[in-house]
PDB file of N, CA and C in Angstrom:
ATOM      1  N   UNK A   1      -4.519  11.593 -32.679  1.00  0.00           N
ATOM      2  CA  UNK A   1      -4.985  11.322 -31.322  1.00  0.00           C
ATOM      3  C   UNK A   1      -6.261  10.473 -31.431  1.00  0.00           C
ATOM      4  N   UNK A   2      -6.338   9.395 -30.661  1.00  0.00           N
ATOM      5  CA  UNK A   2      -7.525   8.535 -30.738  1.00  0.00           C
ATOM      6  C   UNK A   2      -8.778   9.263 -30.268  1.00  0.00           C
ATOM      7  N   UNK A   3      -9.886   8.963 -30.929  1.00  0.00           N
ATOM      8  CA  UNK A   3     -11.144   9.598 -30.574  1.00  0.00           C
ATOM      9  C   UNK A   3     -11.838   8.968 -29.388  1.00  0.00           C
ATOM     10  N   UNK A   4     -11.674   7.656 -29.222  1.00  0.00           N
ATOM     11  CA  UNK A   4     -12.360   6.940 -28.134  1.00  0.00           C
ATOM     12  C   UNK A   4     -11.359   6.484 -27.086  1.00  0.00           C
ATOM     13  N   UNK A   5     -11.370   7.119 -25.952  1.00  0.00           N
ATOM     14  CA  UNK A   5     -10.498   6.732 -24.842  1.00  0.00           C
ATOM     15  C   UNK A   5     -11.388   6.292 -23.698  1.00  0.00           C
ATOM     16  N   UNK A   6     -11.118   5.105 -23.194  1.00  0.00           N
ATOM     17  CA  UNK A   6     -11.899   4.558 -22.091  1.00  0.00           C
ATOM     18  C   UNK A   6     -10.988   4.438 -20.877  1.00  0.00           C
ATOM     19  N   UNK A   7     -11.398   5.026 -19.792  1.00  0.00           N
ATOM     20  CA  UNK A   7     -10.653   4.928 -18.544  1.00  0.00           C
ATOM     21  C   UNK A   7     -11.401   3.972 -17.638  1.00  0.00           C
ATOM     22  N   UNK A   8     -10.722   2.920 -17.214  1.00  0.00           N
ATOM     23  CA  UNK A   8     -11.340   1.954 -16.317  1.00  0.00           C
ATOM     24  C   UNK A   8     -10.873   2.235 -14.896  1.00  0.00           C
ATOM     25  N   UNK A   9     -11.817   2.283 -14.000  1.00  0.00           N
ATOM     26  CA  UNK A   9     -11.526   2.578 -12.603  1.00  0.00           C
ATOM     27  C   UNK A   9     -11.948   1.387 -11.760  1.00  0.00           C
ATOM     28  N   UNK A  10     -10.995   0.801 -11.066  1.00  0.00           N
ATOM     29  CA  UNK A  10     -11.313  -0.371 -10.248  1.00  0.00           C
ATOM     30  C   UNK A  10     -11.662   0.017  -8.809  1.00  0.00           C
ATOM     31  N   UNK A  11     -11.690   1.310  -8.518  1.00  0.00           N
ATOM     32  CA  UNK A  11     -12.014   1.771  -7.169  1.00  0.00           C
ATOM     33  C   UNK A  11     -13.531   1.818  -7.007  1.00  0.00           C
ATOM     34  N   UNK A  12     -14.066   0.862  -6.269  1.00  0.00           N
ATOM     35  CA  UNK A  12     -15.518   0.770  -6.101  1.00  0.00           C
ATOM     36  C   UNK A  12     -15.974   1.209  -4.711  1.00  0.00           C
ATOM     37  N   UNK A  13     -15.136   1.996  -4.035  1.00  0.00           N
ATOM     38  CA  UNK A  13     -15.485   2.402  -2.670  1.00  0.00           C
ATOM     39  C   UNK A  13     -16.807   3.146  -2.589  1.00  0.00           C
ATOM     40  N   UNK A  14     -17.035   4.063  -3.510  1.00  0.00           N
ATOM     41  CA  UNK A  14     -18.284   4.838  -3.433  1.00  0.00           C
ATOM     42  C   UNK A  14     -19.496   3.937  -3.627  1.00  0.00           C
ATOM     43  N   UNK A  15     -19.396   2.962  -4.523  1.00  0.00           N
ATOM     44  CA  UNK A  15     -20.507   2.027  -4.722  1.00  0.00           C
ATOM     45  C   UNK A  15     -20.752   1.186  -3.476  1.00  0.00           C
ATOM     46  N   UNK A  16     -19.671   0.708  -2.858  1.00  0.00           N
ATOM     47  CA  UNK A  16     -19.824  -0.103  -1.642  1.00  0.00           C
ATOM     48  C   UNK A  16     -20.380   0.730  -0.497  1.00  0.00           C
ATOM     49  N   UNK A  17     -19.967   1.990  -0.406  1.00  0.00           N
ATOM     50  CA  UNK A  17     -20.443   2.852   0.666  1.00  0.00           C
ATOM     51  C   UNK A  17     -21.946   3.103   0.527  1.00  0.00           C
ATOM     52  N   UNK A  18     -22.400   3.308  -0.687  1.00  0.00           N
ATOM     53  CA  UNK A  18     -23.829   3.550  -0.915  1.00  0.00           C
ATOM     54  C   UNK A  18     -24.643   2.283  -0.681  1.00  0.00           C
ATOM     55  N   UNK A  19     -24.122   1.156  -1.130  1.00  0.00           N
ATOM     56  CA  UNK A  19     -24.851  -0.111  -1.032  1.00  0.00           C
ATOM     57  C   UNK A  19     -25.045  -0.550   0.416  1.00  0.00           C
ATOM     58  N   UNK A  20     -23.987  -0.460   1.232  1.00  0.00           N
ATOM     59  CA  UNK A  20     -24.066  -0.921   2.622  1.00  0.00           C
ATOM     60  C   UNK A  20     -23.138  -0.063   3.487  1.00  0.00           C
ATOM     61  N   UNK A  21     -23.584   1.144   3.865  1.00  0.00           N
ATOM     62  CA  UNK A  21     -22.695   2.058   4.591  1.00  0.00           C
ATOM     63  C   UNK A  21     -22.211   1.507   5.924  1.00  0.00           C
ATOM     64  N   UNK A  22     -23.048   0.774   6.635  1.00  0.00           N
ATOM     65  CA  UNK A  22     -22.623   0.221   7.920  1.00  0.00           C
ATOM     66  C   UNK A  22     -21.443  -0.713   7.770  1.00  0.00           C
ATOM     67  N   UNK A  23     -21.535  -1.599   6.803  1.00  0.00           N
ATOM     68  CA  UNK A  23     -20.441  -2.551   6.565  1.00  0.00           C
ATOM     69  C   UNK A  23     -19.200  -1.828   6.057  1.00  0.00           C
ATOM     70  N   UNK A  24     -19.397  -0.887   5.145  1.00  0.00           N
ATOM     71  CA  UNK A  24     -18.272  -0.146   4.584  1.00  0.00           C
ATOM     72  C   UNK A  24     -17.460   0.528   5.691  1.00  0.00           C
ATOM     73  N   UNK A  25     -18.146   1.242   6.584  1.00  0.00           N
ATOM     74  CA  UNK A  25     -17.434   1.959   7.633  1.00  0.00           C
ATOM     75  C   UNK A  25     -16.883   1.016   8.696  1.00  0.00           C
ATOM     76  N   UNK A  26     -17.543  -0.102   8.954  1.00  0.00           N
ATOM     77  CA  UNK A  26     -17.010  -1.092   9.893  1.00  0.00           C
ATOM     78  C   UNK A  26     -15.706  -1.676   9.354  1.00  0.00           C
ATOM     79  N   UNK A  27     -15.678  -1.997   8.067  1.00  0.00           N
ATOM     80  CA  UNK A  27     -14.456  -2.525   7.461  1.00  0.00           C
ATOM     81  C   UNK A  27     -13.347  -1.478   7.444  1.00  0.00           C
ATOM     82  N   UNK A  28     -13.697  -0.239   7.181  1.00  0.00           N
ATOM     83  CA  UNK A  28     -12.704   0.836   7.190  1.00  0.00           C
ATOM     84  C   UNK A  28     -12.116   1.014   8.584  1.00  0.00           C
ATOM     85  N   UNK A  29     -12.969   0.937   9.603  1.00  0.00           N
ATOM     86  CA  UNK A  29     -12.505   1.052  10.985  1.00  0.00           C
ATOM     87  C   UNK A  29     -11.570  -0.107  11.329  1.00  0.00           C
ATOM     88  N   UNK A  30     -11.920  -1.325  10.911  1.00  0.00           N
ATOM     89  CA  UNK A  30     -11.067  -2.486  11.173  1.00  0.00           C
ATOM     90  C   UNK A  30      -9.709  -2.336  10.496  1.00  0.00           C
ATOM     91  N   UNK A  31      -9.698  -1.854   9.250  1.00  0.00           N
ATOM     92  CA  UNK A  31      -8.424  -1.643   8.556  1.00  0.00           C
ATOM     93  C   UNK A  31      -7.574  -0.610   9.287  1.00  0.00           C
ATOM     94  N   UNK A  32      -8.193   0.461   9.743  1.00  0.00           N
ATOM     95  CA  UNK A  32      -7.461   1.507  10.461  1.00  0.00           C
ATOM     96  C   UNK A  32      -6.898   0.979  11.773  1.00  0.00           C
ATOM     97  N   UNK A  33      -7.684   0.176  12.492  1.00  0.00           N
ATOM     98  CA  UNK A  33      -7.211  -0.392  13.753  1.00  0.00           C
ATOM     99  C   UNK A  33      -6.037  -1.340  13.522  1.00  0.00           C
ATOM    100  N   UNK A  34      -6.109  -2.157  12.458  1.00  0.00           N
ATOM    101  CA  UNK A  34      -4.996  -3.062  12.135  1.00  0.00           C
ATOM    102  C   UNK A  34      -3.743  -2.267  11.821  1.00  0.00           C
ATOM    103  N   UNK A  35      -3.894  -1.180  11.076  1.00  0.00           N
ATOM    104  CA  UNK A  35      -2.747  -0.357  10.717  1.00  0.00           C
ATOM    105  C   UNK A  35      -2.121   0.277  11.957  1.00  0.00           C
ATOM    106  N   UNK A  36      -2.942   0.752  12.885  1.00  0.00           N
ATOM    107  CA  UNK A  36      -2.423   1.351  14.117  1.00  0.00           C
ATOM    108  C   UNK A  36      -1.665   0.299  14.926  1.00  0.00           C
ATOM    109  N   UNK A  37      -2.238  -0.912  15.029  1.00  0.00           N
ATOM    110  CA  UNK A  37      -1.549  -1.984  15.765  1.00  0.00           C
ATOM    111  C   UNK A  37      -0.230  -2.352  15.097  1.00  0.00           C
ATOM    112  N   UNK A  38      -0.237  -2.427  13.773  1.00  0.00           N
ATOM    113  CA  UNK A  38       0.987  -2.774  13.048  1.00  0.00           C
ATOM    114  C   UNK A  38       2.058  -1.707  13.260  1.00  0.00           C
ATOM    115  N   UNK A  39       1.674  -0.449  13.178  1.00  0.00           N
ATOM    116  CA  UNK A  39       2.629   0.639  13.412  1.00  0.00           C
ATOM    117  C   UNK A  39       3.181   0.590  14.832  1.00  0.00           C
ATOM    118  N   UNK A  40       2.333   0.294  15.805  1.00  0.00           N
ATOM    119  CA  UNK A  40       2.786   0.202  17.193  1.00  0.00           C
ATOM    120  C   UNK A  40       3.800  -0.924  17.348  1.00  0.00           C
ATOM    121  N   UNK A  41       3.560  -2.056  16.694  1.00  0.00           N
ATOM    122  CA  UNK A  41       4.499  -3.179  16.759  1.00  0.00           C
ATOM    123  C   UNK A  41       5.828  -2.817  16.116  1.00  0.00           C
ATOM    124  N   UNK A  42       5.792  -2.140  14.986  1.00  0.00           N
ATOM    125  CA  UNK A  42       7.020  -1.738  14.305  1.00  0.00           C
ATOM    126  C   UNK A  42       7.820  -0.800  15.196  1.00  0.00           C
ATOM    127  N   UNK A  43       7.146   0.159  15.803  1.00  0.00           N
ATOM    128  CA  UNK A  43       7.844   1.103  16.684  1.00  0.00           C
ATOM    129  C   UNK A  43       8.381   0.405  17.927  1.00  0.00           C
ATOM    130  N   UNK A  44       7.609  -0.519  18.473  1.00  0.00           N
ATOM    131  CA  UNK A  44       8.046  -1.273  19.647  1.00  0.00           C
ATOM    132  C   UNK A  44       9.289  -2.092  19.306  1.00  0.00           C
ATOM    133  N   UNK A  45       9.269  -2.763  18.161  1.00  0.00           N
ATOM    134  CA  UNK A  45      10.418  -3.559  17.736  1.00  0.00           C
ATOM    135  C   UNK A  45      11.635  -2.676  17.493  1.00  0.00           C
ATOM    136  N   UNK A  46      11.448  -1.522  16.876  1.00  0.00           N
ATOM    137  CA  UNK A  46      12.558  -0.611  16.600  1.00  0.00           C
ATOM    138  C   UNK A  46      13.145  -0.071  17.899  1.00  0.00           C
ATOM    139  N   UNK A  47      12.309   0.236  18.868  1.00  0.00           N
ATOM    140  CA  UNK A  47      12.788   0.747  20.152  1.00  0.00           C
ATOM    141  C   UNK A  47      13.529  -0.345  20.905  1.00  0.00           C
ATOM    142  N   UNK A  48      13.081  -1.569  20.819  1.00  0.00           N
ATOM    143  CA  UNK A  48      13.715  -2.682  21.513  1.00  0.00           C
ATOM    144  C   UNK A  48      15.086  -3.006  20.966  1.00  0.00           C
ATOM    145  N   UNK A  49      15.339  -2.737  19.703  1.00  0.00           N
ATOM    146  CA  UNK A  49      16.634  -3.029  19.103  1.00  0.00           C
ATOM    147  C   UNK A  49      17.699  -2.058  19.575  1.00  0.00           C
ATOM    148  N   UNK A  50      17.299  -0.890  20.008  1.00  0.00           N
ATOM    149  CA  UNK A  50      18.259   0.116  20.452  1.00  0.00           C
ATOM    150  C   UNK A  50      18.706  -0.091  21.893  1.00  0.00           C
ATOM    151  N   UNK A  51      17.972  -0.905  22.648  1.00  0.00           N
ATOM    152  CA  UNK A  51      18.296  -1.089  24.055  1.00  0.00           C
ATOM    153  C   UNK A  51      19.454  -2.063  24.213  1.00  0.00           C
ATOM    154  N   UNK A  52      20.469  -1.706  25.027  1.00  0.00           N
ATOM    155  CA  UNK A  52      21.602  -2.616  25.239  1.00  0.00           C
ATOM    156  C   UNK A  52      21.177  -3.843  26.049  1.00  0.00           C
ATOM    157  N   UNK A  53      21.813  -4.968  25.747  1.00  0.00           N
ATOM    158  CA  UNK A  53      21.545  -6.178  26.514  1.00  0.00           C
ATOM    159  C   UNK A  53      20.338  -6.951  26.050  1.00  0.00           C
ATOM    160  N   UNK A  54      19.725  -6.561  25.004  1.00  0.00           N
ATOM    161  CA  UNK A  54      18.529  -7.270  24.524  1.00  0.00           C
ATOM    162  C   UNK A  54      18.831  -7.990  23.245  1.00  0.00           C
TER     163      UNK A  54
END
């Protein structure tokens, strides 16, 4: 078994949150809002396909 194992982590969220919390949370809010809008569009499109005559 190797003695030296290095785990690299590319997740820098905690560093970004500490460095500039206002920006971090603003970006997180924007991502969440985009996801909600995208989900609403997907559901709207799926509901529209089931309607006859459309």
